[in-house]
Every structure is written in C-alpha cells, then in structure tokens.
Amino acid sequence: MKSLLFIIMCLLPLTVMGDNAKPKPKPLTAQQVAQARADYMAKYNHRGHPPYNIPNNRLWRVSRFEGAGWSRANANPKTIGTCSPRYRMTLVGDAWAKGKYGTYRIRLWK
C-alpha cells in the first residue's frame, strides 16, 4: 500500500503540470528577425522581400517597414542598397547574409 501511494505521489506533479510547465519562447528582437529573413534570402536565392511569415509571423511585431537588397557574391554587405522609408523612422534591425549566388541585406525600421 505504501509503495502504491509513493508511486501516485511521484506521478501526480507530472500530470498536474502538463503543458503549462513548458517555458514560453522569448519574443525575437528586430535584429534576430532581420537576420532570419536575410538567411532565408541567401538560402533560397530570393531576390525580393521574403514571405511575411519568415520567421513565424514576427515581422510586423518588431517593425513597420522593411528594406531588402541584394548584390553579387563578393560585395561589401554594408554598401548594398535597400528600400528606405519615405517618412522619418528609426532603424531597428540591419542584417546581411552571403549565399551561393549573392549577398543579401535586410533593414527593418519602426
């Protein structure tokens, strides 16, 4: 009887905690979102704005405007031109990635 009670007491916390025990993922920063989008462009040779759901629908939570650009493979990433906002905004993320066919850059503003 004592052993049955002991087993129940050991398993009880596992069933009570369930999925709520998993820590929630931290929200991505604007820089992390920009880097993930630049990596996507480099991996898939995507010469334009990546799909909005890269990464995990976080783009519009961290920024209001995105600039995307690309150039030849051995270009200086900081000289690659991107779209820029018409109105005054603050740059919150600037990332680049080199791929097989070029260098890609993403800038995010808020």
N, C-alpha and C. Protein backbone atom coordinates (compact mmCIF):
# COMPACT_ATOMS: atom_id res chain seq x y z
N MET A 1 0.82 -1.20 0.00
CA MET A 1 0.00 0.00 0.00
C MET A 1 0.86 1.26 0.00
N LYS A 2 1.93 1.22 0.80
CA LYS A 2 2.82 2.39 0.84
C LYS A 2 3.51 2.62 -0.50
N SER A 3 3.87 1.54 -1.18
CA SER A 3 4.54 1.70 -2.47
C SER A 3 3.57 2.28 -3.52
N LEU A 4 2.31 1.89 -3.48
CA LEU A 4 1.32 2.44 -4.40
C LEU A 4 1.11 3.92 -4.14
N LEU A 5 1.03 4.29 -2.89
CA LEU A 5 0.90 5.70 -2.52
C LEU A 5 2.12 6.49 -2.97
N PHE A 6 3.31 5.91 -2.82
CA PHE A 6 4.54 6.57 -3.23
C PHE A 6 4.55 6.81 -4.75
N ILE A 7 4.13 5.83 -5.53
CA ILE A 7 4.10 5.97 -6.99
C ILE A 7 3.10 7.05 -7.41
N ILE A 8 1.95 7.07 -6.78
CA ILE A 8 0.95 8.09 -7.11
C ILE A 8 1.47 9.48 -6.77
N MET A 9 2.12 9.62 -5.65
CA MET A 9 2.65 10.92 -5.25
C MET A 9 3.77 11.38 -6.19
N CYS A 10 4.52 10.45 -6.75
CA CYS A 10 5.60 10.81 -7.69
C CYS A 10 5.04 11.22 -9.04
N LEU A 11 3.99 10.58 -9.49
CA LEU A 11 3.42 10.87 -10.81
C LEU A 11 2.44 12.03 -10.80
N LEU A 12 1.90 12.37 -9.66
CA LEU A 12 0.92 13.44 -9.56
C LEU A 12 1.43 14.77 -10.11
N PRO A 13 2.64 15.22 -9.74
CA PRO A 13 3.10 16.50 -10.28
C PRO A 13 3.24 16.50 -11.80
N LEU A 14 3.55 15.37 -12.40
CA LEU A 14 3.70 15.30 -13.85
C LEU A 14 2.37 15.51 -14.56
N THR A 15 1.30 14.97 -14.00
CA THR A 15 0.00 15.12 -14.64
C THR A 15 -0.61 16.48 -14.35
N VAL A 16 -0.33 17.06 -13.22
CA VAL A 16 -0.89 18.37 -12.87
C VAL A 16 -0.24 19.47 -13.69
N MET A 17 1.08 19.38 -13.88
CA MET A 17 1.80 20.44 -14.58
C MET A 17 1.46 20.45 -16.06
N GLY A 18 1.43 19.30 -16.72
CA GLY A 18 1.04 19.20 -18.12
C GLY A 18 1.86 20.12 -19.02
N ASP A 19 1.19 20.71 -20.02
CA ASP A 19 1.86 21.57 -20.99
C ASP A 19 2.18 22.95 -20.43
N ASN A 20 1.54 23.33 -19.34
CA ASN A 20 1.80 24.65 -18.77
C ASN A 20 3.20 24.75 -18.18
N ALA A 21 3.88 23.64 -18.00
CA ALA A 21 5.21 23.65 -17.41
C ALA A 21 6.27 24.07 -18.43
N LYS A 22 5.95 24.00 -19.71
CA LYS A 22 6.92 24.38 -20.74
C LYS A 22 7.14 25.89 -20.71
N PRO A 23 8.39 26.33 -20.73
CA PRO A 23 8.63 27.77 -20.75
C PRO A 23 8.22 28.36 -22.10
N LYS A 24 7.63 29.53 -22.07
CA LYS A 24 7.23 30.20 -23.31
C LYS A 24 8.48 30.74 -24.00
N PRO A 25 8.53 30.64 -25.34
CA PRO A 25 9.70 31.16 -26.04
C PRO A 25 9.77 32.68 -25.93
N LYS A 26 10.98 33.18 -25.84
CA LYS A 26 11.16 34.63 -25.77
C LYS A 26 10.86 35.23 -27.13
N PRO A 27 10.25 36.40 -27.16
CA PRO A 27 9.98 37.03 -28.45
C PRO A 27 11.29 37.41 -29.13
N LEU A 28 11.30 37.34 -30.45
CA LEU A 28 12.50 37.67 -31.20
C LEU A 28 12.70 39.18 -31.26
N THR A 29 13.95 39.61 -31.24
CA THR A 29 14.26 41.02 -31.40
C THR A 29 14.22 41.36 -32.89
N ALA A 30 14.20 42.64 -33.19
CA ALA A 30 14.19 43.08 -34.59
C ALA A 30 15.44 42.60 -35.32
N GLN A 31 16.57 42.61 -34.65
CA GLN A 31 17.81 42.15 -35.28
C GLN A 31 17.74 40.66 -35.61
N GLN A 32 17.17 39.87 -34.73
CA GLN A 32 17.03 38.43 -34.98
C GLN A 32 16.07 38.16 -36.14
N VAL A 33 15.00 38.94 -36.23
CA VAL A 33 14.06 38.80 -37.34
C VAL A 33 14.75 39.17 -38.65
N ALA A 34 15.50 40.27 -38.64
CA ALA A 34 16.21 40.69 -39.85
C ALA A 34 17.22 39.63 -40.29
N GLN A 35 17.94 39.04 -39.35
CA GLN A 35 18.93 38.02 -39.69
C GLN A 35 18.25 36.77 -40.25
N ALA A 36 17.14 36.37 -39.67
CA ALA A 36 16.43 35.20 -40.17
C ALA A 36 15.92 35.43 -41.59
N ARG A 37 15.46 36.63 -41.88
CA ARG A 37 14.97 36.94 -43.21
C ARG A 37 16.11 37.02 -44.22
N ALA A 38 17.25 37.57 -43.82
CA ALA A 38 18.42 37.61 -44.71
C ALA A 38 18.94 36.20 -44.98
N ASP A 39 18.96 35.36 -43.96
CA ASP A 39 19.38 33.97 -44.13
C ASP A 39 18.45 33.23 -45.10
N TYR A 40 17.16 33.49 -45.02
CA TYR A 40 16.20 32.88 -45.94
C TYR A 40 16.52 33.31 -47.38
N MET A 41 16.77 34.59 -47.57
CA MET A 41 17.08 35.08 -48.91
C MET A 41 18.33 34.41 -49.47
N ALA A 42 19.36 34.26 -48.64
CA ALA A 42 20.61 33.65 -49.09
C ALA A 42 20.42 32.16 -49.39
N LYS A 43 19.67 31.48 -48.55
CA LYS A 43 19.49 30.04 -48.72
C LYS A 43 18.71 29.71 -49.99
N TYR A 44 17.68 30.48 -50.29
CA TYR A 44 16.81 30.18 -51.42
C TYR A 44 17.04 31.11 -52.62
N ASN A 45 18.08 31.93 -52.61
CA ASN A 45 18.38 32.88 -53.69
C ASN A 45 17.15 33.72 -54.00
N HIS A 46 16.52 34.22 -52.97
CA HIS A 46 15.28 35.01 -53.08
C HIS A 46 15.65 36.47 -53.26
N ARG A 47 15.39 37.01 -54.44
CA ARG A 47 15.77 38.40 -54.75
C ARG A 47 14.55 39.30 -54.67
N GLY A 48 14.12 39.55 -53.49
CA GLY A 48 12.96 40.39 -53.22
C GLY A 48 12.63 40.26 -51.74
N HIS A 49 11.50 40.80 -51.35
CA HIS A 49 11.11 40.68 -49.95
C HIS A 49 10.73 39.23 -49.65
N PRO A 50 11.29 38.65 -48.59
CA PRO A 50 10.92 37.28 -48.23
C PRO A 50 9.45 37.23 -47.80
N PRO A 51 8.86 36.04 -47.81
CA PRO A 51 7.46 35.92 -47.35
C PRO A 51 7.29 36.48 -45.94
N TYR A 52 6.12 37.04 -45.69
CA TYR A 52 5.89 37.72 -44.41
C TYR A 52 6.01 36.78 -43.21
N ASN A 53 5.79 35.48 -43.41
CA ASN A 53 5.79 34.56 -42.27
C ASN A 53 7.19 34.06 -41.90
N ILE A 54 8.23 34.61 -42.47
CA ILE A 54 9.60 34.26 -42.10
C ILE A 54 10.06 35.31 -41.11
N PRO A 55 10.41 35.10 -39.91
CA PRO A 55 10.25 33.87 -39.15
C PRO A 55 9.00 33.92 -38.28
N ASN A 56 8.15 32.99 -38.42
CA ASN A 56 6.99 32.77 -37.53
C ASN A 56 6.09 33.99 -37.35
N ASN A 57 5.79 34.69 -38.41
CA ASN A 57 4.87 35.84 -38.36
C ASN A 57 5.30 36.92 -37.37
N ARG A 58 6.59 37.13 -37.21
CA ARG A 58 7.09 38.10 -36.24
C ARG A 58 7.46 39.44 -36.88
N LEU A 59 7.45 39.53 -38.21
CA LEU A 59 7.96 40.73 -38.87
C LEU A 59 7.25 42.00 -38.41
N TRP A 60 5.94 42.02 -38.46
CA TRP A 60 5.24 43.26 -38.18
C TRP A 60 5.06 43.52 -36.68
N ARG A 61 5.53 42.60 -35.85
CA ARG A 61 5.53 42.87 -34.42
C ARG A 61 6.75 43.67 -34.01
N VAL A 62 7.80 43.61 -34.81
CA VAL A 62 9.04 44.30 -34.44
C VAL A 62 9.36 45.47 -35.35
N SER A 63 8.67 45.62 -36.48
CA SER A 63 8.97 46.72 -37.39
C SER A 63 7.73 47.14 -38.17
N ARG A 64 7.84 48.31 -38.81
CA ARG A 64 6.75 48.79 -39.64
C ARG A 64 7.15 48.89 -41.11
N PHE A 65 8.47 48.83 -41.39
CA PHE A 65 8.94 48.98 -42.76
C PHE A 65 10.15 48.09 -42.96
N GLU A 66 10.25 47.49 -44.14
CA GLU A 66 11.37 46.62 -44.44
C GLU A 66 12.02 47.04 -45.75
N GLY A 67 13.35 47.04 -45.77
CA GLY A 67 14.10 47.25 -46.99
C GLY A 67 14.89 46.00 -47.31
N ALA A 68 14.80 45.53 -48.55
CA ALA A 68 15.51 44.31 -48.97
C ALA A 68 16.40 44.66 -50.15
N GLY A 69 17.60 44.08 -50.17
CA GLY A 69 18.51 44.32 -51.28
C GLY A 69 19.43 43.14 -51.49
N TRP A 70 20.07 43.08 -52.66
CA TRP A 70 21.00 42.01 -52.97
C TRP A 70 22.03 42.52 -53.95
N SER A 71 23.14 41.80 -54.03
CA SER A 71 24.22 42.16 -54.94
C SER A 71 25.03 40.91 -55.25
N ARG A 72 26.14 41.08 -55.97
CA ARG A 72 26.98 39.93 -56.33
C ARG A 72 27.55 39.27 -55.08
N ALA A 73 28.10 38.10 -55.25
CA ALA A 73 28.51 37.27 -54.12
C ALA A 73 29.61 37.90 -53.27
N ASN A 74 30.54 38.62 -53.86
CA ASN A 74 31.65 39.15 -53.07
C ASN A 74 31.50 40.65 -52.78
N ALA A 75 30.29 41.15 -52.74
CA ALA A 75 30.05 42.57 -52.47
C ALA A 75 30.16 42.86 -50.98
N ASN A 76 30.51 44.10 -50.66
CA ASN A 76 30.53 44.55 -49.27
C ASN A 76 29.08 44.68 -48.80
N PRO A 77 28.68 43.95 -47.78
CA PRO A 77 27.27 43.95 -47.37
C PRO A 77 26.75 45.33 -46.96
N LYS A 78 27.59 46.17 -46.40
CA LYS A 78 27.13 47.48 -45.94
C LYS A 78 26.88 48.46 -47.08
N THR A 79 27.31 48.11 -48.30
CA THR A 79 27.08 49.01 -49.43
C THR A 79 25.90 48.57 -50.30
N ILE A 80 25.25 47.48 -49.95
CA ILE A 80 24.09 47.01 -50.71
C ILE A 80 22.91 47.91 -50.41
N GLY A 81 22.32 48.47 -51.45
CA GLY A 81 21.18 49.36 -51.28
C GLY A 81 19.90 48.60 -50.99
N THR A 82 19.04 49.20 -50.20
CA THR A 82 17.73 48.63 -49.90
C THR A 82 16.69 49.73 -50.02
N CYS A 83 15.44 49.36 -49.99
CA CYS A 83 14.37 50.34 -49.92
C CYS A 83 14.53 51.12 -48.62
N SER A 84 14.08 52.34 -48.60
CA SER A 84 14.12 53.13 -47.36
C SER A 84 12.78 53.82 -47.18
N PRO A 85 12.39 54.08 -45.94
CA PRO A 85 11.07 54.68 -45.70
C PRO A 85 11.00 56.13 -46.17
N ARG A 86 9.83 56.54 -46.59
CA ARG A 86 9.62 57.90 -47.03
C ARG A 86 9.59 58.87 -45.84
N TYR A 87 9.07 58.37 -44.71
CA TYR A 87 8.95 59.21 -43.51
C TYR A 87 10.05 58.85 -42.53
N ARG A 88 10.27 59.74 -41.57
CA ARG A 88 11.32 59.51 -40.58
C ARG A 88 10.96 58.33 -39.69
N MET A 89 11.83 57.33 -39.69
CA MET A 89 11.68 56.15 -38.85
C MET A 89 13.03 55.80 -38.26
N THR A 90 13.02 54.97 -37.23
CA THR A 90 14.25 54.54 -36.57
C THR A 90 14.64 53.16 -37.07
N LEU A 91 15.89 52.99 -37.46
CA LEU A 91 16.40 51.70 -37.90
C LEU A 91 16.52 50.79 -36.68
N VAL A 92 15.84 49.63 -36.72
CA VAL A 92 15.85 48.72 -35.57
C VAL A 92 16.55 47.40 -35.88
N GLY A 93 16.80 47.10 -37.14
CA GLY A 93 17.50 45.86 -37.49
C GLY A 93 18.18 45.99 -38.84
N ASP A 94 19.43 45.54 -38.91
CA ASP A 94 20.20 45.58 -40.15
C ASP A 94 21.02 44.30 -40.21
N ALA A 95 20.70 43.41 -41.16
CA ALA A 95 21.39 42.12 -41.23
C ALA A 95 21.72 41.79 -42.68
N TRP A 96 22.74 40.97 -42.85
CA TRP A 96 23.12 40.51 -44.18
C TRP A 96 23.54 39.05 -44.11
N ALA A 97 23.49 38.40 -45.26
CA ALA A 97 23.90 37.01 -45.36
C ALA A 97 24.47 36.78 -46.76
N LYS A 98 25.50 35.93 -46.80
CA LYS A 98 26.09 35.58 -48.09
C LYS A 98 25.58 34.20 -48.50
N GLY A 99 25.18 34.09 -49.75
CA GLY A 99 24.71 32.83 -50.30
C GLY A 99 25.55 32.42 -51.49
N LYS A 100 25.16 31.36 -52.13
CA LYS A 100 25.90 30.83 -53.27
C LYS A 100 25.88 31.80 -54.45
N TYR A 101 24.77 32.51 -54.63
CA TYR A 101 24.61 33.37 -55.79
C TYR A 101 24.66 34.86 -55.51
N GLY A 102 24.90 35.26 -54.28
CA GLY A 102 24.95 36.69 -53.99
C GLY A 102 24.99 36.99 -52.51
N THR A 103 25.01 38.28 -52.22
CA THR A 103 24.96 38.78 -50.85
C THR A 103 23.63 39.49 -50.68
N TYR A 104 22.95 39.25 -49.58
CA TYR A 104 21.60 39.74 -49.36
C TYR A 104 21.56 40.56 -48.08
N ARG A 105 20.75 41.62 -48.09
CA ARG A 105 20.67 42.51 -46.93
C ARG A 105 19.22 42.85 -46.62
N ILE A 106 18.90 42.89 -45.35
CA ILE A 106 17.57 43.29 -44.86
C ILE A 106 17.75 44.38 -43.82
N ARG A 107 16.97 45.45 -43.94
CA ARG A 107 16.94 46.50 -42.91
C ARG A 107 15.49 46.69 -42.48
N LEU A 108 15.30 46.81 -41.17
CA LEU A 108 13.96 47.00 -40.60
C LEU A 108 13.89 48.33 -39.87
N TRP A 109 12.77 49.04 -40.06
CA TRP A 109 12.54 50.32 -39.39
C TRP A 109 11.24 50.26 -38.59
N LYS A 110 11.19 51.09 -37.55
CA LYS A 110 9.98 51.21 -36.74
C LYS A 110 9.67 52.67 -36.52
